[in-house]
Every structure is written in C-alpha cells, then in structure tokens.
Amino acid sequence: QVQLTESGGGLVQAGGSLRLSCAASGRASIAYAMGWFRQAPGKEREFVAAIRWSASSWKYYADSVKGRFTISRDSGKNTMFLQMSNLEAEDTAVYYCAAKTSSGIMSLSNGYDYWGQGTQVTVSS
C-alpha cells in the first residue's frame, strides 16, 4: 500500500505561482511513476503531469500546462512537487497526486493505483 498526501494548495491571483507537494508513505518504492491530475467543478478529472520515479528526467505534461508547470521529485524524501507559474483562472481545480505501479499511458487516470485526497487551488482573475 502507498499513502499519498498533498499540500500547498490555496488562493492565488492570476499570474501568480504555487508549489504543490505530494508526500508518499508506506511502500512508496513500488511506484513506477507518479502524476498530478486535477478536477474542476462540473468537469472530469484531467491529467496534468507525470514523472518516472526512477528516471526523473522522464517527464510528461498536458499541453494546457506545458511551459507553465514543472513536475519534480525528491526520491530521498519520497516527495513529488508541482511548481505552477503564470496561473490562470482555468487552472482552478482540486489537484490530486497519484501513483502507478506499472508502465502504460501516463495520462490515463485509470492506470494509477493510489490517490491522494486532493488539495484545492483557486486562481482569482
């Protein structure tokens, strides 16, 4: 089992920045990759970014956040980060971190085995 806990959400003005963290505990070493997803009110959960746990140079971003968001991880602390810059009102959502234990399409939420409880990000325009 892997437990995931997100933190760092909050209220920020458009154009501002936030840094989300996701701390993994339990059997964090079984993770093949970790990712961030988000869900806005009335919308489906969507992929944001993913990173291979053992090969942090491998990163994948949704087109909507490419160039504005940066995913990273500190394997020694079993923690993943999402640095969000130049935030837009459309980025407002609950952000979830997730871990997958096998390879596959990184952008598909049903490929992830463990999920955090989510953290709210609100961007005011």
N, C-alpha and C. Protein backbone atom coordinates (compact mmCIF):
# COMPACT_ATOMS: atom_id res chain seq x y z
N GLN A 1 0.83 -1.19 0.00
CA GLN A 1 0.00 0.00 0.00
C GLN A 1 0.87 1.25 0.00
N VAL A 2 0.38 2.27 -0.67
CA VAL A 2 1.06 3.56 -0.72
C VAL A 2 0.06 4.62 -0.28
N GLN A 3 0.45 5.46 0.63
CA GLN A 3 -0.39 6.56 1.06
C GLN A 3 0.19 7.86 0.49
N LEU A 4 -0.69 8.69 -0.05
CA LEU A 4 -0.27 9.94 -0.67
C LEU A 4 -0.97 11.11 0.00
N THR A 5 -0.21 12.14 0.31
CA THR A 5 -0.78 13.32 0.97
C THR A 5 -0.32 14.57 0.25
N GLU A 6 -1.28 15.32 -0.30
CA GLU A 6 -0.96 16.56 -0.99
C GLU A 6 -0.99 17.73 -0.03
N SER A 7 -0.24 18.76 -0.37
CA SER A 7 -0.27 20.02 0.38
C SER A 7 0.16 21.14 -0.54
N GLY A 8 -0.07 22.37 -0.11
CA GLY A 8 0.41 23.52 -0.86
C GLY A 8 -0.65 24.27 -1.65
N GLY A 9 -1.88 23.77 -1.66
CA GLY A 9 -2.91 24.48 -2.39
C GLY A 9 -3.29 25.77 -1.70
N GLY A 10 -4.10 26.57 -2.38
CA GLY A 10 -4.54 27.83 -1.79
C GLY A 10 -5.13 28.75 -2.82
N LEU A 11 -5.28 30.00 -2.42
CA LEU A 11 -5.83 31.04 -3.29
C LEU A 11 -4.71 31.92 -3.80
N VAL A 12 -4.69 32.15 -5.09
CA VAL A 12 -3.64 32.97 -5.69
C VAL A 12 -4.25 33.80 -6.82
N GLN A 13 -3.68 34.94 -7.09
CA GLN A 13 -4.16 35.77 -8.18
C GLN A 13 -3.62 35.25 -9.51
N ALA A 14 -4.33 35.54 -10.56
CA ALA A 14 -3.88 35.17 -11.91
C ALA A 14 -2.49 35.74 -12.16
N GLY A 15 -1.65 34.91 -12.74
CA GLY A 15 -0.27 35.31 -12.97
C GLY A 15 0.67 34.92 -11.85
N GLY A 16 0.11 34.48 -10.74
CA GLY A 16 0.92 34.10 -9.59
C GLY A 16 1.40 32.66 -9.67
N SER A 17 2.04 32.22 -8.59
CA SER A 17 2.64 30.88 -8.53
C SER A 17 2.24 30.16 -7.26
N LEU A 18 2.25 28.84 -7.35
CA LEU A 18 2.04 27.97 -6.20
C LEU A 18 2.90 26.73 -6.40
N ARG A 19 3.28 26.11 -5.29
CA ARG A 19 4.03 24.87 -5.36
C ARG A 19 3.28 23.81 -4.55
N LEU A 20 2.85 22.78 -5.23
CA LEU A 20 2.18 21.66 -4.57
C LEU A 20 3.20 20.59 -4.23
N SER A 21 2.95 19.91 -3.13
CA SER A 21 3.78 18.79 -2.71
C SER A 21 2.91 17.56 -2.53
N CYS A 22 3.51 16.41 -2.75
CA CYS A 22 2.83 15.13 -2.53
C CYS A 22 3.80 14.21 -1.82
N ALA A 23 3.50 13.92 -0.57
CA ALA A 23 4.36 13.04 0.22
C ALA A 23 3.84 11.62 0.14
N ALA A 24 4.71 10.70 -0.20
CA ALA A 24 4.35 9.29 -0.30
C ALA A 24 4.89 8.52 0.90
N SER A 25 4.05 7.69 1.48
CA SER A 25 4.48 6.85 2.60
C SER A 25 4.02 5.42 2.35
N GLY A 26 4.44 4.53 3.23
CA GLY A 26 4.13 3.13 3.02
C GLY A 26 5.14 2.53 2.06
N ARG A 27 4.69 1.76 1.11
CA ARG A 27 5.57 1.10 0.16
C ARG A 27 5.79 1.98 -1.07
N ALA A 28 6.32 3.17 -0.81
CA ALA A 28 6.50 4.13 -1.89
C ALA A 28 7.44 3.62 -2.97
N SER A 29 8.33 2.69 -2.61
CA SER A 29 9.31 2.20 -3.58
C SER A 29 8.69 1.40 -4.72
N ILE A 30 7.42 1.00 -4.56
CA ILE A 30 6.80 0.20 -5.62
C ILE A 30 6.28 1.08 -6.76
N ALA A 31 6.36 2.39 -6.59
CA ALA A 31 5.82 3.27 -7.61
C ALA A 31 6.69 3.25 -8.86
N TYR A 32 6.07 3.08 -10.01
CA TYR A 32 6.76 3.17 -11.30
C TYR A 32 6.81 4.63 -11.74
N ALA A 33 5.72 5.32 -11.49
CA ALA A 33 5.63 6.74 -11.84
C ALA A 33 4.60 7.39 -10.95
N MET A 34 4.66 8.69 -10.90
CA MET A 34 3.67 9.46 -10.16
C MET A 34 3.19 10.60 -11.03
N GLY A 35 1.98 11.04 -10.74
CA GLY A 35 1.42 12.08 -11.57
C GLY A 35 0.51 13.01 -10.81
N TRP A 36 0.18 14.09 -11.47
CA TRP A 36 -0.78 15.06 -10.95
C TRP A 36 -1.98 15.10 -11.89
N PHE A 37 -3.15 15.10 -11.31
CA PHE A 37 -4.40 15.27 -12.03
C PHE A 37 -5.16 16.41 -11.36
N ARG A 38 -6.16 16.93 -12.06
CA ARG A 38 -6.99 17.97 -11.46
C ARG A 38 -8.43 17.80 -11.91
N GLN A 39 -9.33 18.30 -11.08
CA GLN A 39 -10.75 18.22 -11.41
C GLN A 39 -11.42 19.53 -11.00
N ALA A 40 -11.95 20.19 -11.99
CA ALA A 40 -12.69 21.44 -11.77
C ALA A 40 -14.17 21.10 -11.57
N PRO A 41 -14.93 21.98 -10.93
CA PRO A 41 -16.35 21.72 -10.70
C PRO A 41 -17.09 21.45 -12.00
N GLY A 42 -17.82 20.35 -12.04
CA GLY A 42 -18.61 20.03 -13.21
C GLY A 42 -17.83 19.44 -14.37
N LYS A 43 -16.55 19.19 -14.15
CA LYS A 43 -15.72 18.65 -15.22
C LYS A 43 -15.11 17.32 -14.80
N GLU A 44 -14.64 16.58 -15.78
CA GLU A 44 -13.98 15.32 -15.49
C GLU A 44 -12.55 15.56 -15.02
N ARG A 45 -12.05 14.58 -14.31
CA ARG A 45 -10.66 14.67 -13.86
C ARG A 45 -9.75 14.63 -15.09
N GLU A 46 -8.75 15.51 -15.10
CA GLU A 46 -7.86 15.57 -16.25
C GLU A 46 -6.40 15.47 -15.82
N PHE A 47 -5.61 14.95 -16.71
CA PHE A 47 -4.19 14.78 -16.49
C PHE A 47 -3.48 16.13 -16.52
N VAL A 48 -2.47 16.27 -15.65
CA VAL A 48 -1.68 17.50 -15.63
C VAL A 48 -0.22 17.20 -15.97
N ALA A 49 0.40 16.29 -15.23
CA ALA A 49 1.82 15.98 -15.44
C ALA A 49 2.16 14.66 -14.78
N ALA A 50 3.24 14.04 -15.26
CA ALA A 50 3.70 12.78 -14.67
C ALA A 50 5.22 12.71 -14.73
N ILE A 51 5.78 11.90 -13.83
CA ILE A 51 7.23 11.75 -13.76
C ILE A 51 7.55 10.30 -13.41
N ARG A 52 8.55 9.76 -14.07
CA ARG A 52 9.02 8.41 -13.73
C ARG A 52 9.76 8.49 -12.41
N TRP A 53 9.49 7.56 -11.52
CA TRP A 53 10.09 7.65 -10.19
C TRP A 53 11.59 7.33 -10.21
N SER A 54 12.00 6.40 -11.06
CA SER A 54 13.42 6.01 -11.09
C SER A 54 14.19 6.73 -12.18
N ALA A 55 13.52 7.50 -12.98
CA ALA A 55 14.18 8.22 -14.07
C ALA A 55 13.54 9.60 -14.15
N SER A 56 13.95 10.47 -13.24
CA SER A 56 13.26 11.75 -13.11
C SER A 56 13.41 12.64 -14.32
N SER A 57 14.33 12.29 -15.23
CA SER A 57 14.44 13.08 -16.45
C SER A 57 13.26 12.86 -17.37
N TRP A 58 12.54 11.76 -17.17
CA TRP A 58 11.36 11.48 -17.97
C TRP A 58 10.17 12.18 -17.35
N LYS A 59 9.66 13.19 -18.04
CA LYS A 59 8.51 13.95 -17.57
C LYS A 59 7.55 14.14 -18.73
N TYR A 60 6.28 14.24 -18.39
CA TYR A 60 5.25 14.37 -19.42
C TYR A 60 4.21 15.35 -18.93
N TYR A 61 3.81 16.29 -19.79
CA TYR A 61 2.89 17.35 -19.41
C TYR A 61 1.69 17.41 -20.34
N ALA A 62 0.58 17.82 -19.79
CA ALA A 62 -0.56 18.16 -20.63
C ALA A 62 -0.24 19.44 -21.39
N ASP A 63 -0.76 19.55 -22.58
CA ASP A 63 -0.47 20.75 -23.40
C ASP A 63 -0.91 22.03 -22.70
N SER A 64 -1.96 21.95 -21.91
CA SER A 64 -2.52 23.15 -21.28
C SER A 64 -1.60 23.74 -20.21
N VAL A 65 -0.64 22.94 -19.72
CA VAL A 65 0.23 23.44 -18.66
C VAL A 65 1.70 23.48 -19.07
N LYS A 66 2.00 22.99 -20.26
CA LYS A 66 3.38 22.94 -20.73
C LYS A 66 3.97 24.34 -20.76
N GLY A 67 5.16 24.47 -20.19
CA GLY A 67 5.81 25.77 -20.14
C GLY A 67 5.45 26.60 -18.93
N ARG A 68 4.40 26.21 -18.22
CA ARG A 68 4.00 26.95 -17.01
C ARG A 68 4.19 26.12 -15.74
N PHE A 69 4.01 24.82 -15.85
CA PHE A 69 4.12 23.92 -14.70
C PHE A 69 5.37 23.07 -14.84
N THR A 70 5.98 22.75 -13.70
CA THR A 70 7.16 21.88 -13.68
C THR A 70 6.98 20.81 -12.62
N ILE A 71 7.10 19.56 -13.02
CA ILE A 71 7.00 18.45 -12.09
C ILE A 71 8.40 18.00 -11.71
N SER A 72 8.57 17.63 -10.46
CA SER A 72 9.87 17.14 -9.99
C SER A 72 9.64 16.21 -8.82
N ARG A 73 10.70 15.57 -8.38
CA ARG A 73 10.58 14.68 -7.23
C ARG A 73 11.89 14.61 -6.47
N ASP A 74 11.75 14.33 -5.19
CA ASP A 74 12.89 14.10 -4.31
C ASP A 74 12.74 12.66 -3.82
N SER A 75 13.41 11.74 -4.48
CA SER A 75 13.22 10.33 -4.14
C SER A 75 13.69 10.02 -2.74
N GLY A 76 14.67 10.76 -2.25
CA GLY A 76 15.16 10.51 -0.90
C GLY A 76 14.11 10.82 0.15
N LYS A 77 13.23 11.74 -0.16
CA LYS A 77 12.15 12.12 0.76
C LYS A 77 10.80 11.59 0.30
N ASN A 78 10.80 10.79 -0.77
CA ASN A 78 9.54 10.24 -1.30
C ASN A 78 8.50 11.34 -1.51
N THR A 79 8.92 12.42 -2.09
CA THR A 79 8.03 13.56 -2.27
C THR A 79 8.08 14.03 -3.72
N MET A 80 6.92 14.35 -4.24
CA MET A 80 6.80 14.87 -5.59
C MET A 80 6.29 16.30 -5.50
N PHE A 81 6.69 17.13 -6.46
CA PHE A 81 6.30 18.52 -6.44
C PHE A 81 5.67 18.92 -7.78
N LEU A 82 4.86 19.96 -7.72
CA LEU A 82 4.35 20.59 -8.93
C LEU A 82 4.48 22.09 -8.74
N GLN A 83 5.45 22.66 -9.42
CA GLN A 83 5.63 24.11 -9.40
C GLN A 83 4.75 24.71 -10.49
N MET A 84 3.82 25.55 -10.08
CA MET A 84 2.87 26.13 -11.02
C MET A 84 3.13 27.63 -11.11
N SER A 85 3.35 28.11 -12.31
CA SER A 85 3.63 29.52 -12.53
C SER A 85 2.66 30.08 -13.56
N ASN A 86 2.59 31.40 -13.57
CA ASN A 86 1.71 32.07 -14.52
C ASN A 86 0.31 31.44 -14.51
N LEU A 87 -0.23 31.31 -13.32
CA LEU A 87 -1.51 30.63 -13.15
C LEU A 87 -2.64 31.42 -13.79
N GLU A 88 -3.61 30.66 -14.29
CA GLU A 88 -4.77 31.24 -14.94
C GLU A 88 -6.03 30.79 -14.20
N ALA A 89 -7.12 31.53 -14.39
CA ALA A 89 -8.37 31.16 -13.74
C ALA A 89 -8.78 29.73 -14.11
N GLU A 90 -8.44 29.33 -15.32
CA GLU A 90 -8.80 27.99 -15.79
C GLU A 90 -8.03 26.89 -15.06
N ASP A 91 -7.02 27.25 -14.29
CA ASP A 91 -6.28 26.27 -13.51
C ASP A 91 -6.97 25.94 -12.18
N THR A 92 -8.02 26.67 -11.87
CA THR A 92 -8.75 26.42 -10.62
C THR A 92 -9.34 25.02 -10.62
N ALA A 93 -9.00 24.25 -9.60
CA ALA A 93 -9.45 22.85 -9.52
C ALA A 93 -8.95 22.24 -8.22
N VAL A 94 -9.43 21.06 -7.94
CA VAL A 94 -8.81 20.23 -6.90
C VAL A 94 -7.71 19.42 -7.57
N TYR A 95 -6.53 19.50 -7.03
CA TYR A 95 -5.38 18.80 -7.61
C TYR A 95 -5.10 17.54 -6.79
N TYR A 96 -4.94 16.45 -7.52
CA TYR A 96 -4.70 15.15 -6.89
C TYR A 96 -3.34 14.61 -7.34
N CYS A 97 -2.62 14.01 -6.42
CA CYS A 97 -1.45 13.26 -6.83
C CYS A 97 -1.81 11.78 -6.86
N ALA A 98 -1.11 11.05 -7.68
CA ALA A 98 -1.41 9.64 -7.88
C ALA A 98 -0.14 8.88 -8.17
N ALA A 99 -0.16 7.59 -7.86
CA ALA A 99 0.99 6.73 -8.11
C ALA A 99 0.55 5.50 -8.89
N LYS A 100 1.39 5.12 -9.85
CA LYS A 100 1.10 3.90 -10.59
C LYS A 100 2.25 2.93 -10.43
N THR A 101 1.95 1.66 -10.40
CA THR A 101 2.95 0.64 -10.13
C THR A 101 3.39 -0.11 -11.37
N SER A 102 2.87 0.29 -12.54
CA SER A 102 3.26 -0.38 -13.76
C SER A 102 3.33 0.63 -14.89
N SER A 103 3.96 0.23 -15.98
CA SER A 103 4.07 1.13 -17.13
C SER A 103 2.72 1.22 -17.83
N GLY A 104 2.63 2.10 -18.79
CA GLY A 104 1.39 2.31 -19.51
C GLY A 104 1.24 3.79 -19.82
N ILE A 105 0.10 4.12 -20.38
CA ILE A 105 -0.13 5.51 -20.76
C ILE A 105 -0.24 6.36 -19.50
N MET A 106 0.65 7.33 -19.38
CA MET A 106 0.76 8.12 -18.16
C MET A 106 -0.42 9.07 -17.95
N SER A 107 -1.10 9.42 -19.00
CA SER A 107 -2.17 10.40 -18.89
C SER A 107 -3.53 9.82 -18.55
N LEU A 108 -3.62 8.51 -18.45
CA LEU A 108 -4.90 7.87 -18.14
C LEU A 108 -5.04 7.66 -16.64
N SER A 109 -6.08 8.24 -16.07
CA SER A 109 -6.26 8.16 -14.62
C SER A 109 -6.52 6.74 -14.15
N ASN A 110 -7.15 5.91 -14.98
CA ASN A 110 -7.46 4.55 -14.53
C ASN A 110 -6.22 3.66 -14.49
N GLY A 111 -5.08 4.18 -14.92
CA GLY A 111 -3.84 3.43 -14.82
C GLY A 111 -3.11 3.64 -13.52
N TYR A 112 -3.63 4.49 -12.67
CA TYR A 112 -2.99 4.80 -11.39
C TYR A 112 -3.67 4.00 -10.27
N ASP A 113 -2.83 3.52 -9.38
CA ASP A 113 -3.31 2.60 -8.35
C ASP A 113 -3.61 3.28 -7.02
N TYR A 114 -2.96 4.39 -6.76
CA TYR A 114 -3.12 5.06 -5.46
C TYR A 114 -3.35 6.55 -5.70
N TRP A 115 -4.18 7.12 -4.84
CA TRP A 115 -4.56 8.53 -4.98
C TRP A 115 -4.52 9.24 -3.63
N GLY A 116 -4.17 10.52 -3.68
CA GLY A 116 -4.27 11.35 -2.50
C GLY A 116 -5.67 11.91 -2.36
N GLN A 117 -5.88 12.69 -1.33
CA GLN A 117 -7.22 13.21 -1.04
C GLN A 117 -7.50 14.51 -1.80
N GLY A 118 -6.47 15.12 -2.36
CA GLY A 118 -6.64 16.33 -3.15
C GLY A 118 -6.38 17.60 -2.36
N THR A 119 -5.99 18.63 -3.07
CA THR A 119 -5.78 19.95 -2.48
C THR A 119 -6.37 21.00 -3.43
N GLN A 120 -7.07 21.96 -2.87
CA GLN A 120 -7.77 22.96 -3.68
C GLN A 120 -6.82 24.06 -4.12
N VAL A 121 -6.87 24.37 -5.40
CA VAL A 121 -6.17 25.52 -5.97
C VAL A 121 -7.21 26.44 -6.59
N THR A 122 -7.21 27.67 -6.14
CA THR A 122 -8.16 28.65 -6.66
C THR A 122 -7.38 29.85 -7.19
N VAL A 123 -7.61 30.17 -8.45
CA VAL A 123 -6.92 31.29 -9.10
C VAL A 123 -7.96 32.36 -9.38
N SER A 124 -7.77 33.52 -8.79
CA SER A 124 -8.70 34.61 -8.99
C SER A 124 -8.25 35.49 -10.15
N SER A 125 -9.20 35.91 -10.96
CA SER A 125 -8.85 36.72 -12.14
C SER A 125 -9.04 38.19 -11.86
